[in-house]
Amino acid sequence: MSKRFYTTMGMMVAMVSVAAPAFAQEAAGGAGGGMGVEAWSVITAGFALGIAAFGGALGQGRATAAAAEGIARNPSAAGEIRGAMILGLVLIESLVIYVLLISLILFFLKPFAA
């Protein structure tokens, strides 16, 4: 089997093993006083920001490498390649900034608080 298959299966197992215990817990008002929605939203926001930053950095690195390779192969198209690369980098970074915005909202505004 391919490396992609094993990576996909590993990600699926990781998601199921993390999500299943969260759904098996009692309600926040139940016995034991477990963590409420507010605490889980802050934890989730932290993980989302970390994953988004990792994915954004990986995407930007690949885009820059591909643009540098394209400019090295065809120096006369450097202006067009550079413009497309900058537009792509801006769009990739905007996705990470959106996640940062959502994370800050969950950290400070507590939208699920009663």
PDB file of N, CA and C in Angstrom:
ATOM      1  N   MET A   1       0.835  -1.179   0.000  1.00  0.00           N
ATOM      2  CA  MET A   1       0.000   0.000   0.000  1.00  0.00           C
ATOM      3  C   MET A   1       0.882   1.246   0.000  1.00  0.00           C
ATOM      4  N   SER A   2       0.285   2.349  -0.398  1.00  0.00           N
ATOM      5  CA  SER A   2       1.055   3.582  -0.529  1.00  0.00           C
ATOM      6  C   SER A   2       1.175   4.323   0.801  1.00  0.00           C
ATOM      7  N   LYS A   3       2.126   5.228   0.827  1.00  0.00           N
ATOM      8  CA  LYS A   3       2.343   6.045   2.018  1.00  0.00           C
ATOM      9  C   LYS A   3       1.129   6.935   2.276  1.00  0.00           C
ATOM     10  N   ARG A   4       0.473   7.390   1.205  1.00  0.00           N
ATOM     11  CA  ARG A   4      -0.710   8.242   1.344  1.00  0.00           C
ATOM     12  C   ARG A   4      -1.839   7.503   2.057  1.00  0.00           C
ATOM     13  N   PHE A   5      -2.003   6.231   1.727  1.00  0.00           N
ATOM     14  CA  PHE A   5      -3.043   5.426   2.365  1.00  0.00           C
ATOM     15  C   PHE A   5      -2.808   5.320   3.863  1.00  0.00           C
ATOM     16  N   TYR A   6      -1.564   5.004   4.248  1.00  0.00           N
ATOM     17  CA  TYR A   6      -1.255   4.872   5.666  1.00  0.00           C
ATOM     18  C   TYR A   6      -1.392   6.203   6.400  1.00  0.00           C
ATOM     19  N   THR A   7      -1.020   7.291   5.753  1.00  0.00           N
ATOM     20  CA  THR A   7      -1.182   8.606   6.365  1.00  0.00           C
ATOM     21  C   THR A   7      -2.652   8.918   6.589  1.00  0.00           C
ATOM     22  N   THR A   8      -3.489   8.660   5.594  1.00  0.00           N
ATOM     23  CA  THR A   8      -4.921   8.903   5.702  1.00  0.00           C
ATOM     24  C   THR A   8      -5.546   8.048   6.800  1.00  0.00           C
ATOM     25  N   MET A   9      -5.172   6.786   6.849  1.00  0.00           N
ATOM     26  CA  MET A   9      -5.731   5.905   7.871  1.00  0.00           C
ATOM     27  C   MET A   9      -5.276   6.330   9.267  1.00  0.00           C
ATOM     28  N   GLY A  10      -4.033   6.764   9.394  1.00  0.00           N
ATOM     29  CA  GLY A  10      -3.542   7.242  10.686  1.00  0.00           C
ATOM     30  C   GLY A  10      -4.289   8.470  11.160  1.00  0.00           C
ATOM     31  N   MET A  11      -4.567   9.385  10.233  1.00  0.00           N
ATOM     32  CA  MET A  11      -5.330  10.587  10.584  1.00  0.00           C
ATOM     33  C   MET A  11      -6.748  10.225  11.009  1.00  0.00           C
ATOM     34  N   MET A  12      -7.367   9.277  10.322  1.00  0.00           N
ATOM     35  CA  MET A  12      -8.722   8.873  10.675  1.00  0.00           C
ATOM     36  C   MET A  12      -8.762   8.229  12.059  1.00  0.00           C
ATOM     37  N   VAL A  13      -7.803   7.377  12.355  1.00  0.00           N
ATOM     38  CA  VAL A  13      -7.749   6.735  13.668  1.00  0.00           C
ATOM     39  C   VAL A  13      -7.522   7.781  14.752  1.00  0.00           C
ATOM     40  N   ALA A  14      -6.648   8.747  14.485  1.00  0.00           N
ATOM     41  CA  ALA A  14      -6.387   9.795  15.472  1.00  0.00           C
ATOM     42  C   ALA A  14      -7.643  10.615  15.740  1.00  0.00           C
ATOM     43  N   MET A  15      -8.394  10.960  14.690  1.00  0.00           N
ATOM     44  CA  MET A  15      -9.610  11.751  14.879  1.00  0.00           C
ATOM     45  C   MET A  15     -10.661  10.980  15.662  1.00  0.00           C
ATOM     46  N   VAL A  16     -10.824   9.711  15.348  1.00  0.00           N
ATOM     47  CA  VAL A  16     -11.826   8.910  16.041  1.00  0.00           C
ATOM     48  C   VAL A  16     -11.439   8.726  17.507  1.00  0.00           C
ATOM     49  N   SER A  17     -10.157   8.504  17.782  1.00  0.00           N
ATOM     50  CA  SER A  17      -9.744   8.286  19.165  1.00  0.00           C
ATOM     51  C   SER A  17      -9.839   9.559  20.000  1.00  0.00           C
ATOM     52  N   VAL A  18      -9.756  10.718  19.379  1.00  0.00           N
ATOM     53  CA  VAL A  18      -9.890  11.970  20.110  1.00  0.00           C
ATOM     54  C   VAL A  18     -11.358  12.354  20.267  1.00  0.00           C
ATOM     55  N   ALA A  19     -12.176  12.123  19.236  1.00  0.00           N
ATOM     56  CA  ALA A  19     -13.566  12.567  19.261  1.00  0.00           C
ATOM     57  C   ALA A  19     -14.469  11.648  20.087  1.00  0.00           C
ATOM     58  N   ALA A  20     -14.221  10.351  20.085  1.00  0.00           N
ATOM     59  CA  ALA A  20     -15.110   9.418  20.765  1.00  0.00           C
ATOM     60  C   ALA A  20     -15.238   9.689  22.262  1.00  0.00           C
ATOM     61  N   PRO A  21     -14.149   9.917  22.995  1.00  0.00           N
ATOM     62  CA  PRO A  21     -14.324  10.194  24.431  1.00  0.00           C
ATOM     63  C   PRO A  21     -15.085  11.490  24.708  1.00  0.00           C
ATOM     64  N   ALA A  22     -14.996  12.463  23.823  1.00  0.00           N
ATOM     65  CA  ALA A  22     -15.700  13.721  24.041  1.00  0.00           C
ATOM     66  C   ALA A  22     -17.212  13.515  23.995  1.00  0.00           C
ATOM     67  N   PHE A  23     -17.684  12.624  23.134  1.00  0.00           N
ATOM     68  CA  PHE A  23     -19.111  12.381  23.027  1.00  0.00           C
ATOM     69  C   PHE A  23     -19.608  11.421  24.098  1.00  0.00           C
ATOM     70  N   ALA A  24     -18.720  10.704  24.766  1.00  0.00           N
ATOM     71  CA  ALA A  24     -19.120   9.726  25.760  1.00  0.00           C
ATOM     72  C   ALA A  24     -19.256  10.330  27.151  1.00  0.00           C
ATOM     73  N   GLN A  25     -18.896  11.581  27.334  1.00  0.00           N
ATOM     74  CA  GLN A  25     -18.943  12.189  28.659  1.00  0.00           C
ATOM     75  C   GLN A  25     -20.359  12.606  29.023  1.00  0.00           C
ATOM     76  N   GLU A  26     -20.553  12.783  30.331  1.00  0.00           N
ATOM     77  CA  GLU A  26     -21.831  13.270  30.816  1.00  0.00           C
ATOM     78  C   GLU A  26     -21.954  14.758  30.535  1.00  0.00           C
ATOM     79  N   ALA A  27     -23.131  15.273  30.719  1.00  0.00           N
ATOM     80  CA  ALA A  27     -23.354  16.704  30.532  1.00  0.00           C
ATOM     81  C   ALA A  27     -22.540  17.485  31.562  1.00  0.00           C
ATOM     82  N   ALA A  28     -22.299  18.760  31.295  1.00  0.00           N
ATOM     83  CA  ALA A  28     -21.468  19.587  32.171  1.00  0.00           C
ATOM     84  C   ALA A  28     -22.077  19.718  33.564  1.00  0.00           C
ATOM     85  N   GLY A  29     -23.370  19.680  33.660  1.00  0.00           N
ATOM     86  CA  GLY A  29     -24.024  19.813  34.955  1.00  0.00           C
ATOM     87  C   GLY A  29     -24.139  18.495  35.703  1.00  0.00           C
ATOM     88  N   GLY A  30     -23.662  17.409  35.111  1.00  0.00           N
ATOM     89  CA  GLY A  30     -23.791  16.099  35.723  1.00  0.00           C
ATOM     90  C   GLY A  30     -22.814  15.903  36.868  1.00  0.00           C
ATOM     91  N   ALA A  31     -22.765  14.683  37.347  1.00  0.00           N
ATOM     92  CA  ALA A  31     -21.895  14.356  38.479  1.00  0.00           C
ATOM     93  C   ALA A  31     -20.435  14.537  38.082  1.00  0.00           C
ATOM     94  N   GLY A  32     -19.648  15.060  38.964  1.00  0.00           N
ATOM     95  CA  GLY A  32     -18.228  15.221  38.710  1.00  0.00           C
ATOM     96  C   GLY A  32     -17.865  16.597  38.204  1.00  0.00           C
ATOM     97  N   GLY A  33     -18.813  17.367  37.728  1.00  0.00           N
ATOM     98  CA  GLY A  33     -18.532  18.725  37.262  1.00  0.00           C
ATOM     99  C   GLY A  33     -17.496  18.766  36.159  1.00  0.00           C
ATOM    100  N   GLY A  34     -17.687  18.001  35.093  1.00  0.00           N
ATOM    101  CA  GLY A  34     -16.728  17.941  33.993  1.00  0.00           C
ATOM    102  C   GLY A  34     -16.563  19.284  33.293  1.00  0.00           C
ATOM    103  N   MET A  35     -15.675  19.309  32.338  1.00  0.00           N
ATOM    104  CA  MET A  35     -15.406  20.550  31.610  1.00  0.00           C
ATOM    105  C   MET A  35     -16.603  20.924  30.743  1.00  0.00           C
ATOM    106  N   GLY A  36     -16.877  22.205  30.685  1.00  0.00           N
ATOM    107  CA  GLY A  36     -18.002  22.687  29.919  1.00  0.00           C
ATOM    108  C   GLY A  36     -17.613  23.032  28.490  1.00  0.00           C
ATOM    109  N   VAL A  37     -18.572  23.567  27.777  1.00  0.00           N
ATOM    110  CA  VAL A  37     -18.365  23.935  26.382  1.00  0.00           C
ATOM    111  C   VAL A  37     -17.306  25.018  26.264  1.00  0.00           C
ATOM    112  N   GLU A  38     -17.247  25.913  27.246  1.00  0.00           N
ATOM    113  CA  GLU A  38     -16.277  27.002  27.190  1.00  0.00           C
ATOM    114  C   GLU A  38     -14.849  26.467  27.192  1.00  0.00           C
ATOM    115  N   ALA A  39     -14.588  25.524  28.068  1.00  0.00           N
ATOM    116  CA  ALA A  39     -13.239  24.960  28.162  1.00  0.00           C
ATOM    117  C   ALA A  39     -12.878  24.201  26.890  1.00  0.00           C
ATOM    118  N   TRP A  40     -13.825  23.435  26.367  1.00  0.00           N
ATOM    119  CA  TRP A  40     -13.551  22.690  25.140  1.00  0.00           C
ATOM    120  C   TRP A  40     -13.371  23.623  23.955  1.00  0.00           C
ATOM    121  N   SER A  41     -14.095  24.744  23.925  1.00  0.00           N
ATOM    122  CA  SER A  41     -13.931  25.666  22.803  1.00  0.00           C
ATOM    123  C   SER A  41     -12.547  26.311  22.820  1.00  0.00           C
ATOM    124  N   VAL A  42     -12.018  26.592  24.004  1.00  0.00           N
ATOM    125  CA  VAL A  42     -10.674  27.167  24.092  1.00  0.00           C
ATOM    126  C   VAL A  42      -9.628  26.135  23.675  1.00  0.00           C
ATOM    127  N   ILE A  43      -9.778  24.898  24.124  1.00  0.00           N
ATOM    128  CA  ILE A  43      -8.835  23.844  23.744  1.00  0.00           C
ATOM    129  C   ILE A  43      -8.884  23.610  22.240  1.00  0.00           C
ATOM    130  N   THR A  44     -10.085  23.546  21.685  1.00  0.00           N
ATOM    131  CA  THR A  44     -10.248  23.332  20.256  1.00  0.00           C
ATOM    132  C   THR A  44      -9.668  24.491  19.454  1.00  0.00           C
ATOM    133  N   ALA A  45      -9.857  25.710  19.939  1.00  0.00           N
ATOM    134  CA  ALA A  45      -9.308  26.871  19.234  1.00  0.00           C
ATOM    135  C   ALA A  45      -7.789  26.817  19.200  1.00  0.00           C
ATOM    136  N   GLY A  46      -7.183  26.388  20.276  1.00  0.00           N
ATOM    137  CA  GLY A  46      -5.730  26.263  20.306  1.00  0.00           C
ATOM    138  C   GLY A  46      -5.225  25.233  19.311  1.00  0.00           C
ATOM    139  N   PHE A  47      -5.869  24.077  19.267  1.00  0.00           N
ATOM    140  CA  PHE A  47      -5.471  23.053  18.302  1.00  0.00           C
ATOM    141  C   PHE A  47      -5.714  23.521  16.869  1.00  0.00           C
ATOM    142  N   ALA A  48      -6.837  24.185  16.633  1.00  0.00           N
ATOM    143  CA  ALA A  48      -7.139  24.660  15.283  1.00  0.00           C
ATOM    144  C   ALA A  48      -6.101  25.671  14.813  1.00  0.00           C
ATOM    145  N   LEU A  49      -5.682  26.543  15.697  1.00  0.00           N
ATOM    146  CA  LEU A  49      -4.676  27.538  15.329  1.00  0.00           C
ATOM    147  C   LEU A  49      -3.338  26.870  15.026  1.00  0.00           C
ATOM    148  N   GLY A  50      -2.964  25.888  15.808  1.00  0.00           N
ATOM    149  CA  GLY A  50      -1.720  25.174  15.548  1.00  0.00           C
ATOM    150  C   GLY A  50      -1.740  24.424  14.232  1.00  0.00           C
ATOM    151  N   ILE A  51      -2.850  23.748  13.941  1.00  0.00           N
ATOM    152  CA  ILE A  51      -2.965  23.005  12.689  1.00  0.00           C
ATOM    153  C   ILE A  51      -2.993  23.956  11.502  1.00  0.00           C
ATOM    154  N   ALA A  52      -3.708  25.076  11.633  1.00  0.00           N
ATOM    155  CA  ALA A  52      -3.773  26.046  10.539  1.00  0.00           C
ATOM    156  C   ALA A  52      -2.411  26.676  10.276  1.00  0.00           C
ATOM    157  N   ALA A  53      -1.676  26.983  11.328  1.00  0.00           N
ATOM    158  CA  ALA A  53      -0.344  27.565  11.143  1.00  0.00           C
ATOM    159  C   ALA A  53       0.589  26.564  10.477  1.00  0.00           C
ATOM    160  N   PHE A  54       0.513  25.295  10.873  1.00  0.00           N
ATOM    161  CA  PHE A  54       1.339  24.271  10.258  1.00  0.00           C
ATOM    162  C   PHE A  54       0.994  24.097   8.775  1.00  0.00           C
ATOM    163  N   GLY A  55      -0.303  24.005   8.480  1.00  0.00           N
ATOM    164  CA  GLY A  55      -0.718  23.832   7.090  1.00  0.00           C
ATOM    165  C   GLY A  55      -0.379  25.040   6.233  1.00  0.00           C
ATOM    166  N   GLY A  56      -0.561  26.237   6.791  1.00  0.00           N
ATOM    167  CA  GLY A  56      -0.223  27.445   6.048  1.00  0.00           C
ATOM    168  C   GLY A  56       1.260  27.538   5.752  1.00  0.00           C
ATOM    169  N   ALA A  57       2.091  27.208   6.737  1.00  0.00           N
ATOM    170  CA  ALA A  57       3.533  27.249   6.529  1.00  0.00           C
ATOM    171  C   ALA A  57       3.968  26.210   5.502  1.00  0.00           C
ATOM    172  N   LEU A  58       3.374  25.037   5.555  1.00  0.00           N
ATOM    173  CA  LEU A  58       3.698  23.993   4.589  1.00  0.00           C
ATOM    174  C   LEU A  58       3.295  24.430   3.180  1.00  0.00           C
ATOM    175  N   GLY A  59       2.105  24.990   3.036  1.00  0.00           N
ATOM    176  CA  GLY A  59       1.642  25.451   1.731  1.00  0.00           C
ATOM    177  C   GLY A  59       2.485  26.593   1.186  1.00  0.00           C
ATOM    178  N   GLN A  60       2.866  27.516   2.050  1.00  0.00           N
ATOM    179  CA  GLN A  60       3.689  28.635   1.595  1.00  0.00           C
ATOM    180  C   GLN A  60       5.076  28.157   1.177  1.00  0.00           C
ATOM    181  N   GLY A  61       5.629  27.217   1.890  1.00  0.00           N
ATOM    182  CA  GLY A  61       6.930  26.677   1.516  1.00  0.00           C
ATOM    183  C   GLY A  61       6.900  25.975   0.173  1.00  0.00           C
ATOM    184  N   ARG A  62       5.851  25.196  -0.042  1.00  0.00           N
ATOM    185  CA  ARG A  62       5.731  24.502  -1.331  1.00  0.00           C
ATOM    186  C   ARG A  62       5.500  25.481  -2.479  1.00  0.00           C
ATOM    187  N   ALA A  63       4.693  26.502  -2.247  1.00  0.00           N
ATOM    188  CA  ALA A  63       4.423  27.489  -3.295  1.00  0.00           C
ATOM    189  C   ALA A  63       5.684  28.260  -3.652  1.00  0.00           C
ATOM    190  N   THR A  64       6.456  28.644  -2.646  1.00  0.00           N
ATOM    191  CA  THR A  64       7.682  29.381  -2.900  1.00  0.00           C
ATOM    192  C   THR A  64       8.697  28.511  -3.628  1.00  0.00           C
ATOM    193  N   ALA A  65       8.804  27.245  -3.241  1.00  0.00           N
ATOM    194  CA  ALA A  65       9.734  26.340  -3.913  1.00  0.00           C
ATOM    195  C   ALA A  65       9.344  26.136  -5.380  1.00  0.00           C
ATOM    196  N   ALA A  66       8.047  25.968  -5.623  1.00  0.00           N
ATOM    197  CA  ALA A  66       7.592  25.773  -7.004  1.00  0.00           C
ATOM    198  C   ALA A  66       7.815  27.029  -7.838  1.00  0.00           C
ATOM    199  N   ALA A  67       7.578  28.196  -7.242  1.00  0.00           N
ATOM    200  CA  ALA A  67       7.805  29.445  -7.976  1.00  0.00           C
ATOM    201  C   ALA A  67       9.283  29.643  -8.273  1.00  0.00           C
ATOM    202  N   ALA A  68      10.148  29.339  -7.323  1.00  0.00           N
ATOM    203  CA  ALA A  68      11.590  29.473  -7.559  1.00  0.00           C
ATOM    204  C   ALA A  68      12.055  28.518  -8.650  1.00  0.00           C
ATOM    205  N   GLU A  69      11.508  27.307  -8.654  1.00  0.00           N
ATOM    206  CA  GLU A  69      11.859  26.351  -9.698  1.00  0.00           C
ATOM    207  C   GLU A  69      11.358  26.816 -11.060  1.00  0.00           C
ATOM    208  N   GLY A  70      10.150  27.369 -11.085  1.00  0.00           N
ATOM    209  CA  GLY A  70       9.606  27.877 -12.352  1.00  0.00           C
ATOM    210  C   GLY A  70      10.403  29.046 -12.892  1.00  0.00           C
ATOM    211  N   ILE A  71      10.840  29.947 -12.012  1.00  0.00           N
ATOM    212  CA  ILE A  71      11.652  31.085 -12.448  1.00  0.00           C
ATOM    213  C   ILE A  71      13.020  30.603 -12.927  1.00  0.00           C
ATOM    214  N   ALA A  72      13.576  29.580 -12.283  1.00  0.00           N
ATOM    215  CA  ALA A  72      14.867  29.039 -12.703  1.00  0.00           C
ATOM    216  C   ALA A  72      14.765  28.386 -14.077  1.00  0.00           C
ATOM    217  N   ARG A  73      13.643  27.765 -14.379  1.00  0.00           N
ATOM    218  CA  ARG A  73      13.479  27.116 -15.687  1.00  0.00           C
ATOM    219  C   ARG A  73      13.181  28.113 -16.798  1.00  0.00           C
ATOM    220  N   ASN A  74      12.436  29.174 -16.456  1.00  0.00           N
ATOM    221  CA  ASN A  74      12.054  30.150 -17.478  1.00  0.00           C
ATOM    222  C   ASN A  74      12.174  31.554 -16.892  1.00  0.00           C
ATOM    223  N   PRO A  75      13.363  32.132 -16.921  1.00  0.00           N
ATOM    224  CA  PRO A  75      13.567  33.448 -16.311  1.00  0.00           C
ATOM    225  C   PRO A  75      12.758  34.569 -16.973  1.00  0.00           C
ATOM    226  N   SER A  76      12.368  34.409 -18.217  1.00  0.00           N
ATOM    227  CA  SER A  76      11.601  35.465 -18.884  1.00  0.00           C
ATOM    228  C   SER A  76      10.178  35.582 -18.328  1.00  0.00           C
ATOM    229  N   ALA A  77       9.677  34.540 -17.672  1.00  0.00           N
ATOM    230  CA  ALA A  77       8.331  34.565 -17.085  1.00  0.00           C
ATOM    231  C   ALA A  77       8.371  34.883 -15.595  1.00  0.00           C
ATOM    232  N   ALA A  78       9.473  35.441 -15.120  1.00  0.00           N
ATOM    233  CA  ALA A  78       9.634  35.675 -13.685  1.00  0.00           C
ATOM    234  C   ALA A  78       8.560  36.606 -13.132  1.00  0.00           C
ATOM    235  N   GLY A  79       8.205  37.652 -13.870  1.00  0.00           N
ATOM    236  CA  GLY A  79       7.204  38.603 -13.384  1.00  0.00           C
ATOM    237  C   GLY A  79       5.841  37.971 -13.188  1.00  0.00           C
ATOM    238  N   GLU A  80       5.403  37.175 -14.155  1.00  0.00           N
ATOM    239  CA  GLU A  80       4.093  36.518 -14.044  1.00  0.00           C
ATOM    240  C   GLU A  80       4.083  35.471 -12.934  1.00  0.00           C
ATOM    241  N   ILE A  81       5.163  34.715 -12.835  1.00  0.00           N
ATOM    242  CA  ILE A  81       5.240  33.692 -11.791  1.00  0.00           C
ATOM    243  C   ILE A  81       5.256  34.351 -10.416  1.00  0.00           C
ATOM    244  N   ARG A  82       6.031  35.432 -10.294  1.00  0.00           N
ATOM    245  CA  ARG A  82       6.116  36.118  -9.006  1.00  0.00           C
ATOM    246  C   ARG A  82       4.754  36.684  -8.597  1.00  0.00           C
ATOM    247  N   GLY A  83       4.026  37.272  -9.547  1.00  0.00           N
ATOM    248  CA  GLY A  83       2.698  37.816  -9.239  1.00  0.00           C
ATOM    249  C   GLY A  83       1.725  36.737  -8.790  1.00  0.00           C
ATOM    250  N   ALA A  84       1.721  35.606  -9.498  1.00  0.00           N
ATOM    251  CA  ALA A  84       0.840  34.500  -9.113  1.00  0.00           C
ATOM    252  C   ALA A  84       1.233  33.927  -7.762  1.00  0.00           C
ATOM    253  N   MET A  85       2.550  33.868  -7.492  1.00  0.00           N
ATOM    254  CA  MET A  85       3.005  33.343  -6.209  1.00  0.00           C
ATOM    255  C   MET A  85       2.573  34.255  -5.059  1.00  0.00           C
ATOM    256  N   ILE A  86       2.725  35.557  -5.234  1.00  0.00           N
ATOM    257  CA  ILE A  86       2.347  36.490  -4.171  1.00  0.00           C
ATOM    258  C   ILE A  86       0.846  36.423  -3.912  1.00  0.00           C
ATOM    259  N   LEU A  87       0.043  36.333  -4.967  1.00  0.00           N
ATOM    260  CA  LEU A  87      -1.406  36.198  -4.785  1.00  0.00           C
ATOM    261  C   LEU A  87      -1.735  34.914  -4.032  1.00  0.00           C
ATOM    262  N   GLY A  88      -1.088  33.814  -4.388  1.00  0.00           N
ATOM    263  CA  GLY A  88      -1.315  32.554  -3.689  1.00  0.00           C
ATOM    264  C   GLY A  88      -0.899  32.615  -2.232  1.00  0.00           C
ATOM    265  N   LEU A  89       0.242  33.263  -1.955  1.00  0.00           N
ATOM    266  CA  LEU A  89       0.699  33.389  -0.572  1.00  0.00           C
ATOM    267  C   LEU A  89      -0.267  34.231   0.257  1.00  0.00           C
ATOM    268  N   VAL A  90      -0.814  35.267  -0.361  1.00  0.00           N
ATOM    269  CA  VAL A  90      -1.785  36.109   0.350  1.00  0.00           C
ATOM    270  C   VAL A  90      -3.042  35.304   0.689  1.00  0.00           C
ATOM    271  N   LEU A  91      -3.521  34.506  -0.244  1.00  0.00           N
ATOM    272  CA  LEU A  91      -4.717  33.704   0.011  1.00  0.00           C
ATOM    273  C   LEU A  91      -4.459  32.632   1.070  1.00  0.00           C
ATOM    274  N   ILE A  92      -3.280  32.015   1.040  1.00  0.00           N
ATOM    275  CA  ILE A  92      -2.949  31.016   2.057  1.00  0.00           C
ATOM    276  C   ILE A  92      -2.888  31.673   3.433  1.00  0.00           C
ATOM    277  N   GLU A  93      -2.231  32.828   3.514  1.00  0.00           N
ATOM    278  CA  GLU A  93      -2.092  33.505   4.803  1.00  0.00           C
ATOM    279  C   GLU A  93      -3.440  34.005   5.319  1.00  0.00           C
ATOM    280  N   SER A  94      -4.350  34.373   4.404  1.00  0.00           N
ATOM    281  CA  SER A  94      -5.658  34.852   4.862  1.00  0.00           C
ATOM    282  C   SER A  94      -6.437  33.740   5.572  1.00  0.00           C
ATOM    283  N   LEU A  95      -6.280  32.497   5.138  1.00  0.00           N
ATOM    284  CA  LEU A  95      -6.954  31.392   5.810  1.00  0.00           C
ATOM    285  C   LEU A  95      -6.441  31.224   7.236  1.00  0.00           C
ATOM    286  N   VAL A  96      -5.142  31.373   7.432  1.00  0.00           N
ATOM    287  CA  VAL A  96      -4.574  31.270   8.776  1.00  0.00           C
ATOM    288  C   VAL A  96      -5.056  32.430   9.639  1.00  0.00           C
ATOM    289  N   ILE A  97      -5.175  33.616   9.058  1.00  0.00           N
ATOM    290  CA  ILE A  97      -5.657  34.780   9.810  1.00  0.00           C
ATOM    291  C   ILE A  97      -7.120  34.593  10.206  1.00  0.00           C
ATOM    292  N   TYR A  98      -7.932  33.957   9.344  1.00  0.00           N
ATOM    293  CA  TYR A  98      -9.323  33.676   9.709  1.00  0.00           C
ATOM    294  C   TYR A  98      -9.381  32.747  10.923  1.00  0.00           C
ATOM    295  N   VAL A  99      -8.539  31.732  10.949  1.00  0.00           N
ATOM    296  CA  VAL A  99      -8.517  30.822  12.095  1.00  0.00           C
ATOM    297  C   VAL A  99      -8.066  31.569  13.341  1.00  0.00           C
ATOM    298  N   LEU A 100      -7.082  32.467  13.201  1.00  0.00           N
ATOM    299  CA  LEU A 100      -6.642  33.274  14.337  1.00  0.00           C
ATOM    300  C   LEU A 100      -7.794  34.119  14.865  1.00  0.00           C
ATOM    301  N   LEU A 101      -8.569  34.709  13.974  1.00  0.00           N
ATOM    302  CA  LEU A 101      -9.712  35.521  14.386  1.00  0.00           C
ATOM    303  C   LEU A 101     -10.742  34.695  15.151  1.00  0.00           C
ATOM    304  N   ILE A 102     -11.083  33.534  14.635  1.00  0.00           N
ATOM    305  CA  ILE A 102     -12.039  32.658  15.319  1.00  0.00           C
ATOM    306  C   ILE A 102     -11.487  32.227  16.678  1.00  0.00           C
ATOM    307  N   SER A 103     -10.186  31.918  16.738  1.00  0.00           N
ATOM    308  CA  SER A 103      -9.580  31.506  18.005  1.00  0.00           C
ATOM    309  C   SER A 103      -9.625  32.632  19.024  1.00  0.00           C
ATOM    310  N   LEU A 104      -9.341  33.848  18.603  1.00  0.00           N
ATOM    311  CA  LEU A 104      -9.393  34.977  19.531  1.00  0.00           C
ATOM    312  C   LEU A 104     -10.817  35.226  20.023  1.00  0.00           C
ATOM    313  N   ILE A 105     -11.792  35.045  19.149  1.00  0.00           N
ATOM    314  CA  ILE A 105     -13.188  35.183  19.566  1.00  0.00           C
ATOM    315  C   ILE A 105     -13.524  34.142  20.631  1.00  0.00           C
ATOM    316  N   LEU A 106     -13.097  32.894  20.411  1.00  0.00           N
ATOM    317  CA  LEU A 106     -13.379  31.841  21.391  1.00  0.00           C
ATOM    318  C   LEU A 106     -12.612  32.050  22.693  1.00  0.00           C
ATOM    319  N   PHE A 107     -11.397  32.618  22.614  1.00  0.00           N
ATOM    320  CA  PHE A 107     -10.606  32.857  23.829  1.00  0.00           C
ATOM    321  C   PHE A 107     -11.203  33.956  24.691  1.00  0.00           C
ATOM    322  N   PHE A 108     -11.579  35.078  24.084  1.00  0.00           N
ATOM    323  CA  PHE A 108     -11.898  36.268  24.856  1.00  0.00           C
ATOM    324  C   PHE A 108     -13.385  36.594  24.981  1.00  0.00           C
ATOM    325  N   LEU A 109     -14.189  36.271  23.983  1.00  0.00           N
ATOM    326  CA  LEU A 109     -15.609  36.654  24.039  1.00  0.00           C
ATOM    327  C   LEU A 109     -16.496  35.599  24.669  1.00  0.00           C
ATOM    328  N   LYS A 110     -16.046  34.375  24.742  1.00  0.00           N
ATOM    329  CA  LYS A 110     -16.814  33.277  25.341  1.00  0.00           C
ATOM    330  C   LYS A 110     -18.244  33.238  24.785  1.00  0.00           C
ATOM    331  N   PRO A 111     -18.401  32.939  23.494  1.00  0.00           N
ATOM    332  CA  PRO A 111     -19.745  32.998  22.899  1.00  0.00           C
ATOM    333  C   PRO A 111     -20.710  31.949  23.442  1.00  0.00           C
ATOM    334  N   PHE A 112     -20.205  30.907  24.095  1.00  0.00           N
ATOM    335  CA  PHE A 112     -21.090  29.861  24.596  1.00  0.00           C
ATOM    336  C   PHE A 112     -21.423  30.027  26.069  1.00  0.00           C
ATOM    337  N   ALA A 113     -20.913  31.073  26.688  1.00  0.00           N
ATOM    338  CA  ALA A 113     -21.168  31.277  28.119  1.00  0.00           C
ATOM    339  C   ALA A 113     -22.632  31.665  28.341  1.00  0.00           C
ATOM    340  N   ALA A 114     -23.178  31.221  29.439  1.00  0.00           N
ATOM    341  CA  ALA A 114     -24.588  31.478  29.722  1.00  0.00           C
ATOM    342  C   ALA A 114     -24.793  32.857  30.292  1.00  0.00           C
TER     343      ALA A 114
END
